Structures are given as structure tokens and as C-alpha cells.
């Protein structure tokens, strides 16, 4: 694990510490969780797009028209 140093206004850091304490966590944990989510966003978006394209390809090859029927849209 690497360390990170950032510059933040004293008042902003004070308010962030108070809010983190209210939530039972730390500023460090909040920033770490944010960076994990931020770094994964591109991968998640790419996987979602790939899934959507796969679904569209299956519909086009299976349905013949390339459009979902009313029944397909409401299928559970």
C-alpha cells in the first residue's frame, strides 16, 4: 500500500474530519474508498457497455427484426 499526500484547506479538512467522525469513519478511509471507486469506474462502464452490446447482438440474431417485441420487453 502506498501513501498519498494532498494539500487541503484547513477549514475543509476540519469539516471533513467532523463529518467522517459523525459517520464513524476517517477522512483517510473516505478518500481510499473514493479512489477505489474512481479507479474502477472505467472498468465497470466498459463491462456494462460490453454486456449491453452482447444483449443487443443476441436479440438481433434471435429475433430477426433487431427490435424487442412487447413480450420480450415485459419478460421476467
PDB file of N, CA and C in Angstrom:
ATOM      1  N   UNK A   1       0.845  -1.172   0.000  1.00  0.00           N
ATOM      2  CA  UNK A   1       0.000   0.000   0.000  1.00  0.00           C
ATOM      3  C   UNK A   1       0.893   1.239   0.000  1.00  0.00           C
ATOM      4  N   UNK A   2       0.545   2.224  -0.787  1.00  0.00           N
ATOM      5  CA  UNK A   2       1.326   3.457  -0.903  1.00  0.00           C
ATOM      6  C   UNK A   2       0.680   4.568  -0.085  1.00  0.00           C
ATOM      7  N   UNK A   3       1.474   5.519   0.306  1.00  0.00           N
ATOM      8  CA  UNK A   3       0.975   6.712   0.992  1.00  0.00           C
ATOM      9  C   UNK A   3       0.762   7.822  -0.016  1.00  0.00           C
ATOM     10  N   UNK A   4      -0.173   8.715   0.297  1.00  0.00           N
ATOM     11  CA  UNK A   4      -0.506   9.829  -0.578  1.00  0.00           C
ATOM     12  C   UNK A   4      -0.563  11.088   0.267  1.00  0.00           C
ATOM     13  N   UNK A   5       0.038  12.138  -0.206  1.00  0.00           N
ATOM     14  CA  UNK A   5      -0.021  13.431   0.470  1.00  0.00           C
ATOM     15  C   UNK A   5      -0.782  14.404  -0.415  1.00  0.00           C
ATOM     16  N   UNK A   6      -1.767  15.074   0.173  1.00  0.00           N
ATOM     17  CA  UNK A   6      -2.527  16.068  -0.585  1.00  0.00           C
ATOM     18  C   UNK A   6      -2.566  17.370   0.209  1.00  0.00           C
ATOM     19  N   UNK A   7      -2.782  18.461  -0.486  1.00  0.00           N
ATOM     20  CA  UNK A   7      -2.925  19.761   0.158  1.00  0.00           C
ATOM     21  C   UNK A   7      -4.403  20.134   0.159  1.00  0.00           C
ATOM     22  N   UNK A   8      -4.925  20.415   1.350  1.00  0.00           N
ATOM     23  CA  UNK A   8      -6.331  20.767   1.510  1.00  0.00           C
ATOM     24  C   UNK A   8      -6.417  21.950   2.471  1.00  0.00           C
ATOM     25  N   UNK A   9      -7.314  22.853   2.193  1.00  0.00           N
ATOM     26  CA  UNK A   9      -7.546  23.989   3.075  1.00  0.00           C
ATOM     27  C   UNK A   9      -7.858  23.487   4.490  1.00  0.00           C
ATOM     28  N   UNK A  10      -7.321  24.147   5.501  1.00  0.00           N
ATOM     29  CA  UNK A  10      -7.501  23.726   6.896  1.00  0.00           C
ATOM     30  C   UNK A  10      -8.969  23.610   7.286  1.00  0.00           C
ATOM     31  N   UNK A  11      -9.774  24.576   6.852  1.00  0.00           N
ATOM     32  CA  UNK A  11     -11.197  24.551   7.202  1.00  0.00           C
ATOM     33  C   UNK A  11     -11.914  23.379   6.533  1.00  0.00           C
ATOM     34  N   UNK A  12     -11.551  23.098   5.309  1.00  0.00           N
ATOM     35  CA  UNK A  12     -12.149  21.956   4.595  1.00  0.00           C
ATOM     36  C   UNK A  12     -11.794  20.657   5.310  1.00  0.00           C
ATOM     37  N   UNK A  13     -10.545  20.512   5.689  1.00  0.00           N
ATOM     38  CA  UNK A  13     -10.118  19.295   6.384  1.00  0.00           C
ATOM     39  C   UNK A  13     -10.814  19.165   7.737  1.00  0.00           C
ATOM     40  N   UNK A  14     -10.948  20.266   8.457  1.00  0.00           N
ATOM     41  CA  UNK A  14     -11.627  20.224   9.754  1.00  0.00           C
ATOM     42  C   UNK A  14     -13.074  19.758   9.593  1.00  0.00           C
ATOM     43  N   UNK A  15     -13.785  20.339   8.615  1.00  0.00           N
ATOM     44  CA  UNK A  15     -15.176  19.935   8.380  1.00  0.00           C
ATOM     45  C   UNK A  15     -15.266  18.485   7.914  1.00  0.00           C
ATOM     46  N   UNK A  16     -14.302  18.055   7.090  1.00  0.00           N
ATOM     47  CA  UNK A  16     -14.294  16.665   6.616  1.00  0.00           C
ATOM     48  C   UNK A  16     -14.063  15.699   7.776  1.00  0.00           C
ATOM     49  N   UNK A  17     -13.178  16.063   8.692  1.00  0.00           N
ATOM     50  CA  UNK A  17     -12.924  15.208   9.863  1.00  0.00           C
ATOM     51  C   UNK A  17     -14.171  15.092  10.738  1.00  0.00           C
ATOM     52  N   UNK A  18     -14.856  16.211  10.928  1.00  0.00           N
ATOM     53  CA  UNK A  18     -16.084  16.190  11.730  1.00  0.00           C
ATOM     54  C   UNK A  18     -17.131  15.301  11.074  1.00  0.00           C
ATOM     55  N   UNK A  19     -17.308  15.480   9.796  1.00  0.00           N
ATOM     56  CA  UNK A  19     -18.310  14.671   9.070  1.00  0.00           C
ATOM     57  C   UNK A  19     -17.931  13.184   9.088  1.00  0.00           C
ATOM     58  N   UNK A  20     -16.659  12.892   8.917  1.00  0.00           N
ATOM     59  CA  UNK A  20     -16.201  11.491   8.957  1.00  0.00           C
ATOM     60  C   UNK A  20     -16.467  10.890  10.336  1.00  0.00           C
ATOM     61  N   UNK A  21     -16.180  11.641  11.397  1.00  0.00           N
ATOM     62  CA  UNK A  21     -16.454  11.150  12.754  1.00  0.00           C
ATOM     63  C   UNK A  21     -17.941  10.884  12.950  1.00  0.00           C
ATOM     64  N   UNK A  22     -18.776  11.764  12.422  1.00  0.00           N
ATOM     65  CA  UNK A  22     -20.232  11.568  12.517  1.00  0.00           C
ATOM     66  C   UNK A  22     -20.660  10.282  11.826  1.00  0.00           C
ATOM     67  N   UNK A  23     -19.925   9.895  10.798  1.00  0.00           N
ATOM     68  CA  UNK A  23     -20.250   8.681  10.049  1.00  0.00           C
ATOM     69  C   UNK A  23     -19.488   7.463  10.571  1.00  0.00           C
ATOM     70  N   UNK A  24     -18.697   7.664  11.623  1.00  0.00           N
ATOM     71  CA  UNK A  24     -17.964   6.542  12.219  1.00  0.00           C
ATOM     72  C   UNK A  24     -16.804   6.064  11.366  1.00  0.00           C
ATOM     73  N   UNK A  25     -16.183   6.961  10.647  1.00  0.00           N
ATOM     74  CA  UNK A  25     -15.068   6.593   9.771  1.00  0.00           C
ATOM     75  C   UNK A  25     -13.995   7.674   9.854  1.00  0.00           C
ATOM     76  N   UNK A  26     -13.066   7.635   8.943  1.00  0.00           N
ATOM     77  CA  UNK A  26     -11.991   8.627   8.902  1.00  0.00           C
ATOM     78  C   UNK A  26     -11.915   9.241   7.506  1.00  0.00           C
ATOM     79  N   UNK A  27     -11.285  10.400   7.438  1.00  0.00           N
ATOM     80  CA  UNK A  27     -11.072  11.042   6.150  1.00  0.00           C
ATOM     81  C   UNK A  27     -10.234  10.120   5.269  1.00  0.00           C
ATOM     82  N   UNK A  28      -9.249   9.479   5.846  1.00  0.00           N
ATOM     83  CA  UNK A  28      -8.402   8.549   5.104  1.00  0.00           C
ATOM     84  C   UNK A  28      -9.240   7.433   4.461  1.00  0.00           C
ATOM     85  N   UNK A  29     -10.150   6.845   5.238  1.00  0.00           N
ATOM     86  CA  UNK A  29     -10.986   5.756   4.712  1.00  0.00           C
ATOM     87  C   UNK A  29     -11.911   6.262   3.607  1.00  0.00           C
ATOM     88  N   UNK A  30     -12.459   7.459   3.791  1.00  0.00           N
ATOM     89  CA  UNK A  30     -13.348   8.028   2.765  1.00  0.00           C
ATOM     90  C   UNK A  30     -12.580   8.251   1.469  1.00  0.00           C
ATOM     91  N   UNK A  31     -11.395   8.842   1.561  1.00  0.00           N
ATOM     92  CA  UNK A  31     -10.590   9.079   0.361  1.00  0.00           C
ATOM     93  C   UNK A  31     -10.165   7.770  -0.296  1.00  0.00           C
ATOM     94  N   UNK A  32      -9.783   6.784   0.506  1.00  0.00           N
ATOM     95  CA  UNK A  32      -9.385   5.481  -0.045  1.00  0.00           C
ATOM     96  C   UNK A  32     -10.548   4.848  -0.798  1.00  0.00           C
ATOM     97  N   UNK A  33     -11.742   4.841  -0.175  1.00  0.00           N
ATOM     98  CA  UNK A  33     -12.917   4.255  -0.838  1.00  0.00           C
ATOM     99  C   UNK A  33     -13.260   5.000  -2.120  1.00  0.00           C
ATOM    100  N   UNK A  34     -13.147   6.324  -2.084  1.00  0.00           N
ATOM    101  CA  UNK A  34     -13.430   7.117  -3.279  1.00  0.00           C
ATOM    102  C   UNK A  34     -12.448   6.772  -4.402  1.00  0.00           C
ATOM    103  N   UNK A  35     -11.169   6.672  -4.067  1.00  0.00           N
ATOM    104  CA  UNK A  35     -10.167   6.371  -5.092  1.00  0.00           C
ATOM    105  C   UNK A  35     -10.359   4.971  -5.676  1.00  0.00           C
ATOM    106  N   UNK A  36     -10.768   4.032  -4.848  1.00  0.00           N
ATOM    107  CA  UNK A  36     -11.059   2.680  -5.352  1.00  0.00           C
ATOM    108  C   UNK A  36     -12.211   2.743  -6.348  1.00  0.00           C
ATOM    109  N   UNK A  37     -13.293   3.432  -5.976  1.00  0.00           N
ATOM    110  CA  UNK A  37     -14.450   3.551  -6.869  1.00  0.00           C
ATOM    111  C   UNK A  37     -14.093   4.338  -8.125  1.00  0.00           C
ATOM    112  N   UNK A  38     -13.346   5.417  -7.955  1.00  0.00           N
ATOM    113  CA  UNK A  38     -12.945   6.249  -9.088  1.00  0.00           C
ATOM    114  C   UNK A  38     -12.102   5.467 -10.081  1.00  0.00           C
ATOM    115  N   UNK A  39     -11.181   4.669  -9.580  1.00  0.00           N
ATOM    116  CA  UNK A  39     -10.304   3.914 -10.475  1.00  0.00           C
ATOM    117  C   UNK A  39     -11.028   2.751 -11.147  1.00  0.00           C
ATOM    118  N   UNK A  40     -12.089   2.255 -10.536  1.00  0.00           N
ATOM    119  CA  UNK A  40     -12.835   1.131 -11.105  1.00  0.00           C
ATOM    120  C   UNK A  40     -13.928   1.585 -12.061  1.00  0.00           C
ATOM    121  N   UNK A  41     -14.269   2.857 -12.060  1.00  0.00           N
ATOM    122  CA  UNK A  41     -15.395   3.347 -12.856  1.00  0.00           C
ATOM    123  C   UNK A  41     -15.246   3.024 -14.339  1.00  0.00           C
ATOM    124  N   UNK A  42     -14.060   3.184 -14.885  1.00  0.00           N
ATOM    125  CA  UNK A  42     -13.845   2.932 -16.310  1.00  0.00           C
ATOM    126  C   UNK A  42     -14.067   1.450 -16.627  1.00  0.00           C
ATOM    127  N   UNK A  43     -13.547   0.564 -15.759  1.00  0.00           N
ATOM    128  CA  UNK A  43     -13.736  -0.875 -15.967  1.00  0.00           C
ATOM    129  C   UNK A  43     -15.208  -1.251 -15.894  1.00  0.00           C
ATOM    130  N   UNK A  44     -15.914  -0.720 -14.896  1.00  0.00           N
ATOM    131  CA  UNK A  44     -17.333  -1.036 -14.741  1.00  0.00           C
ATOM    132  C   UNK A  44     -18.138  -0.550 -15.941  1.00  0.00           C
ATOM    133  N   UNK A  45     -17.829   0.644 -16.412  1.00  0.00           N
ATOM    134  CA  UNK A  45     -18.529   1.199 -17.577  1.00  0.00           C
ATOM    135  C   UNK A  45     -18.261   0.343 -18.816  1.00  0.00           C
ATOM    136  N   UNK A  46     -17.013  -0.086 -18.989  1.00  0.00           N
ATOM    137  CA  UNK A  46     -16.660  -0.921 -20.145  1.00  0.00           C
ATOM    138  C   UNK A  46     -17.392  -2.257 -20.084  1.00  0.00           C
ATOM    139  N   UNK A  47     -17.470  -2.843 -18.892  1.00  0.00           N
ATOM    140  CA  UNK A  47     -18.189  -4.119 -18.751  1.00  0.00           C
ATOM    141  C   UNK A  47     -19.676  -3.945 -19.017  1.00  0.00           C
ATOM    142  N   UNK A  48     -20.250  -2.842 -18.560  1.00  0.00           N
ATOM    143  CA  UNK A  48     -21.677  -2.592 -18.790  1.00  0.00           C
ATOM    144  C   UNK A  48     -21.963  -2.419 -20.276  1.00  0.00           C
ATOM    145  N   UNK A  49     -21.114  -1.692 -20.975  1.00  0.00           N
ATOM    146  CA  UNK A  49     -21.279  -1.497 -22.416  1.00  0.00           C
ATOM    147  C   UNK A  49     -21.146  -2.826 -23.147  1.00  0.00           C
ATOM    148  N   UNK A  50     -20.155  -3.622 -22.749  1.00  0.00           N
ATOM    149  CA  UNK A  50     -19.970  -4.929 -23.385  1.00  0.00           C
ATOM    150  C   UNK A  50     -21.196  -5.813 -23.176  1.00  0.00           C
ATOM    151  N   UNK A  51     -21.747  -5.808 -21.972  1.00  0.00           N
ATOM    152  CA  UNK A  51     -22.946  -6.600 -21.692  1.00  0.00           C
ATOM    153  C   UNK A  51     -24.122  -6.139 -22.534  1.00  0.00           C
ATOM    154  N   UNK A  52     -24.285  -4.828 -22.655  1.00  0.00           N
ATOM    155  CA  UNK A  52     -25.377  -4.286 -23.454  1.00  0.00           C
ATOM    156  C   UNK A  52     -25.226  -4.654 -24.927  1.00  0.00           C
ATOM    157  N   UNK A  53     -24.003  -4.563 -25.440  1.00  0.00           N
ATOM    158  CA  UNK A  53     -23.773  -4.922 -26.836  1.00  0.00           C
ATOM    159  C   UNK A  53     -24.012  -6.409 -27.071  1.00  0.00           C
ATOM    160  N   UNK A  54     -23.603  -7.245 -26.113  1.00  0.00           N
ATOM    161  CA  UNK A  54     -23.863  -8.691 -26.228  1.00  0.00           C
ATOM    162  C   UNK A  54     -25.358  -8.972 -26.235  1.00  0.00           C
ATOM    163  N   UNK A  55     -26.093  -8.298 -25.362  1.00  0.00           N
ATOM    164  CA  UNK A  55     -27.536  -8.473 -25.322  1.00  0.00           C
ATOM    165  C   UNK A  55     -28.173  -8.022 -26.635  1.00  0.00           C
ATOM    166  N   UNK A  56     -27.721  -6.903 -27.156  1.00  0.00           N
ATOM    167  CA  UNK A  56     -28.256  -6.408 -28.428  1.00  0.00           C
ATOM    168  C   UNK A  56     -27.955  -7.385 -29.557  1.00  0.00           C
ATOM    169  N   UNK A  57     -26.745  -7.939 -29.562  1.00  0.00           N
ATOM    170  CA  UNK A  57     -26.377  -8.899 -30.610  1.00  0.00           C
ATOM    171  C   UNK A  57     -27.232 -10.153 -30.519  1.00  0.00           C
ATOM    172  N   UNK A  58     -27.503 -10.616 -29.307  1.00  0.00           N
ATOM    173  CA  UNK A  58     -28.344 -11.802 -29.124  1.00  0.00           C
ATOM    174  C   UNK A  58     -29.764 -11.528 -29.610  1.00  0.00           C
ATOM    175  N   UNK A  59     -30.268 -10.361 -29.343  1.00  0.00           N
ATOM    176  CA  UNK A  59     -31.623 -10.005 -29.755  1.00  0.00           C
ATOM    177  C   UNK A  59     -31.706  -9.916 -31.270  1.00  0.00           C
ATOM    178  N   UNK A  60     -30.703  -9.293 -31.880  1.00  0.00           N
ATOM    179  CA  UNK A  60     -30.708  -9.165 -33.340  1.00  0.00           C
ATOM    180  C   UNK A  60     -30.649 -10.523 -34.015  1.00  0.00           C
ATOM    181  N   UNK A  61     -29.823 -11.422 -33.494  1.00  0.00           N
ATOM    182  CA  UNK A  61     -29.687 -12.723 -34.147  1.00  0.00           C
ATOM    183  C   UNK A  61     -30.852 -13.646 -33.818  1.00  0.00           C
ATOM    184  N   UNK A  62     -31.484 -13.443 -32.663  1.00  0.00           N
ATOM    185  CA  UNK A  62     -32.562 -14.339 -32.265  1.00  0.00           C
ATOM    186  C   UNK A  62     -33.933 -13.890 -32.714  1.00  0.00           C
ATOM    187  N   UNK A  63     -34.151 -12.571 -32.758  1.00  0.00           N
ATOM    188  CA  UNK A  63     -35.485 -12.070 -33.048  1.00  0.00           C
ATOM    189  C   UNK A  63     -35.742 -11.795 -34.505  1.00  0.00           C
ATOM    190  N   UNK A  64     -34.703 -11.654 -35.293  1.00  0.00           N
ATOM    191  CA  UNK A  64     -34.877 -11.423 -36.713  1.00  0.00           C
ATOM    192  C   UNK A  64     -35.027  -9.958 -37.084  1.00  0.00           C
ATOM    193  N   UNK A  65     -35.764  -9.170 -36.290  1.00  0.00           N
ATOM    194  CA  UNK A  65     -36.022  -7.781 -36.650  1.00  0.00           C
ATOM    195  C   UNK A  65     -34.993  -6.824 -36.076  1.00  0.00           C
ATOM    196  N   UNK A  66     -34.280  -7.246 -35.047  1.00  0.00           N
ATOM    197  CA  UNK A  66     -33.352  -6.341 -34.371  1.00  0.00           C
ATOM    198  C   UNK A  66     -34.050  -5.461 -33.362  1.00  0.00           C
ATOM    199  N   UNK A  67     -35.358  -5.654 -33.153  1.00  0.00           N
ATOM    200  CA  UNK A  67     -36.125  -4.887 -32.176  1.00  0.00           C
ATOM    201  C   UNK A  67     -36.760  -5.849 -31.187  1.00  0.00           C
ATOM    202  N   UNK A  68     -36.921  -5.390 -29.952  1.00  0.00           N
ATOM    203  CA  UNK A  68     -37.589  -6.203 -28.943  1.00  0.00           C
ATOM    204  C   UNK A  68     -39.094  -6.134 -29.158  1.00  0.00           C
ATOM    205  N   UNK A  69     -39.728  -7.252 -28.975  1.00  0.00           N
ATOM    206  CA  UNK A  69     -41.192  -7.269 -29.030  1.00  0.00           C
ATOM    207  C   UNK A  69     -41.716  -6.830 -27.665  1.00  0.00           C
ATOM    208  N   UNK A  70     -42.992  -6.518 -27.609  1.00  0.00           N
ATOM    209  CA  UNK A  70     -43.620  -6.137 -26.335  1.00  0.00           C
ATOM    210  C   UNK A  70     -43.444  -7.260 -25.322  1.00  0.00           C
ATOM    211  N   UNK A  71     -43.609  -8.502 -25.761  1.00  0.00           N
ATOM    212  CA  UNK A  71     -43.463  -9.643 -24.864  1.00  0.00           C
ATOM    213  C   UNK A  71     -42.041  -9.755 -24.322  1.00  0.00           C
ATOM    214  N   UNK A  72     -41.047  -9.518 -25.191  1.00  0.00           N
ATOM    215  CA  UNK A  72     -39.645  -9.582 -24.747  1.00  0.00           C
ATOM    216  C   UNK A  72     -39.348  -8.492 -23.738  1.00  0.00           C
ATOM    217  N   UNK A  73     -39.901  -7.306 -23.944  1.00  0.00           N
ATOM    218  CA  UNK A  73     -39.652  -6.199 -23.028  1.00  0.00           C
ATOM    219  C   UNK A  73     -40.244  -6.464 -21.654  1.00  0.00           C
ATOM    220  N   UNK A  74     -41.358  -7.175 -21.589  1.00  0.00           N
ATOM    221  CA  UNK A  74     -42.026  -7.427 -20.317  1.00  0.00           C
ATOM    222  C   UNK A  74     -41.749  -8.813 -19.759  1.00  0.00           C
ATOM    223  N   UNK A  75     -40.857  -9.547 -20.415  1.00  0.00           N
ATOM    224  CA  UNK A  75     -40.472 -10.882 -19.974  1.00  0.00           C
ATOM    225  C   UNK A  75     -39.745 -10.785 -18.657  1.00  0.00           C
ATOM    226  N   UNK A  76     -40.037 -11.675 -17.730  1.00  0.00           N
ATOM    227  CA  UNK A  76     -39.368 -11.630 -16.427  1.00  0.00           C
ATOM    228  C   UNK A  76     -38.550 -12.841 -16.230  1.00  0.00           C
TER     229      UNK A  76
END
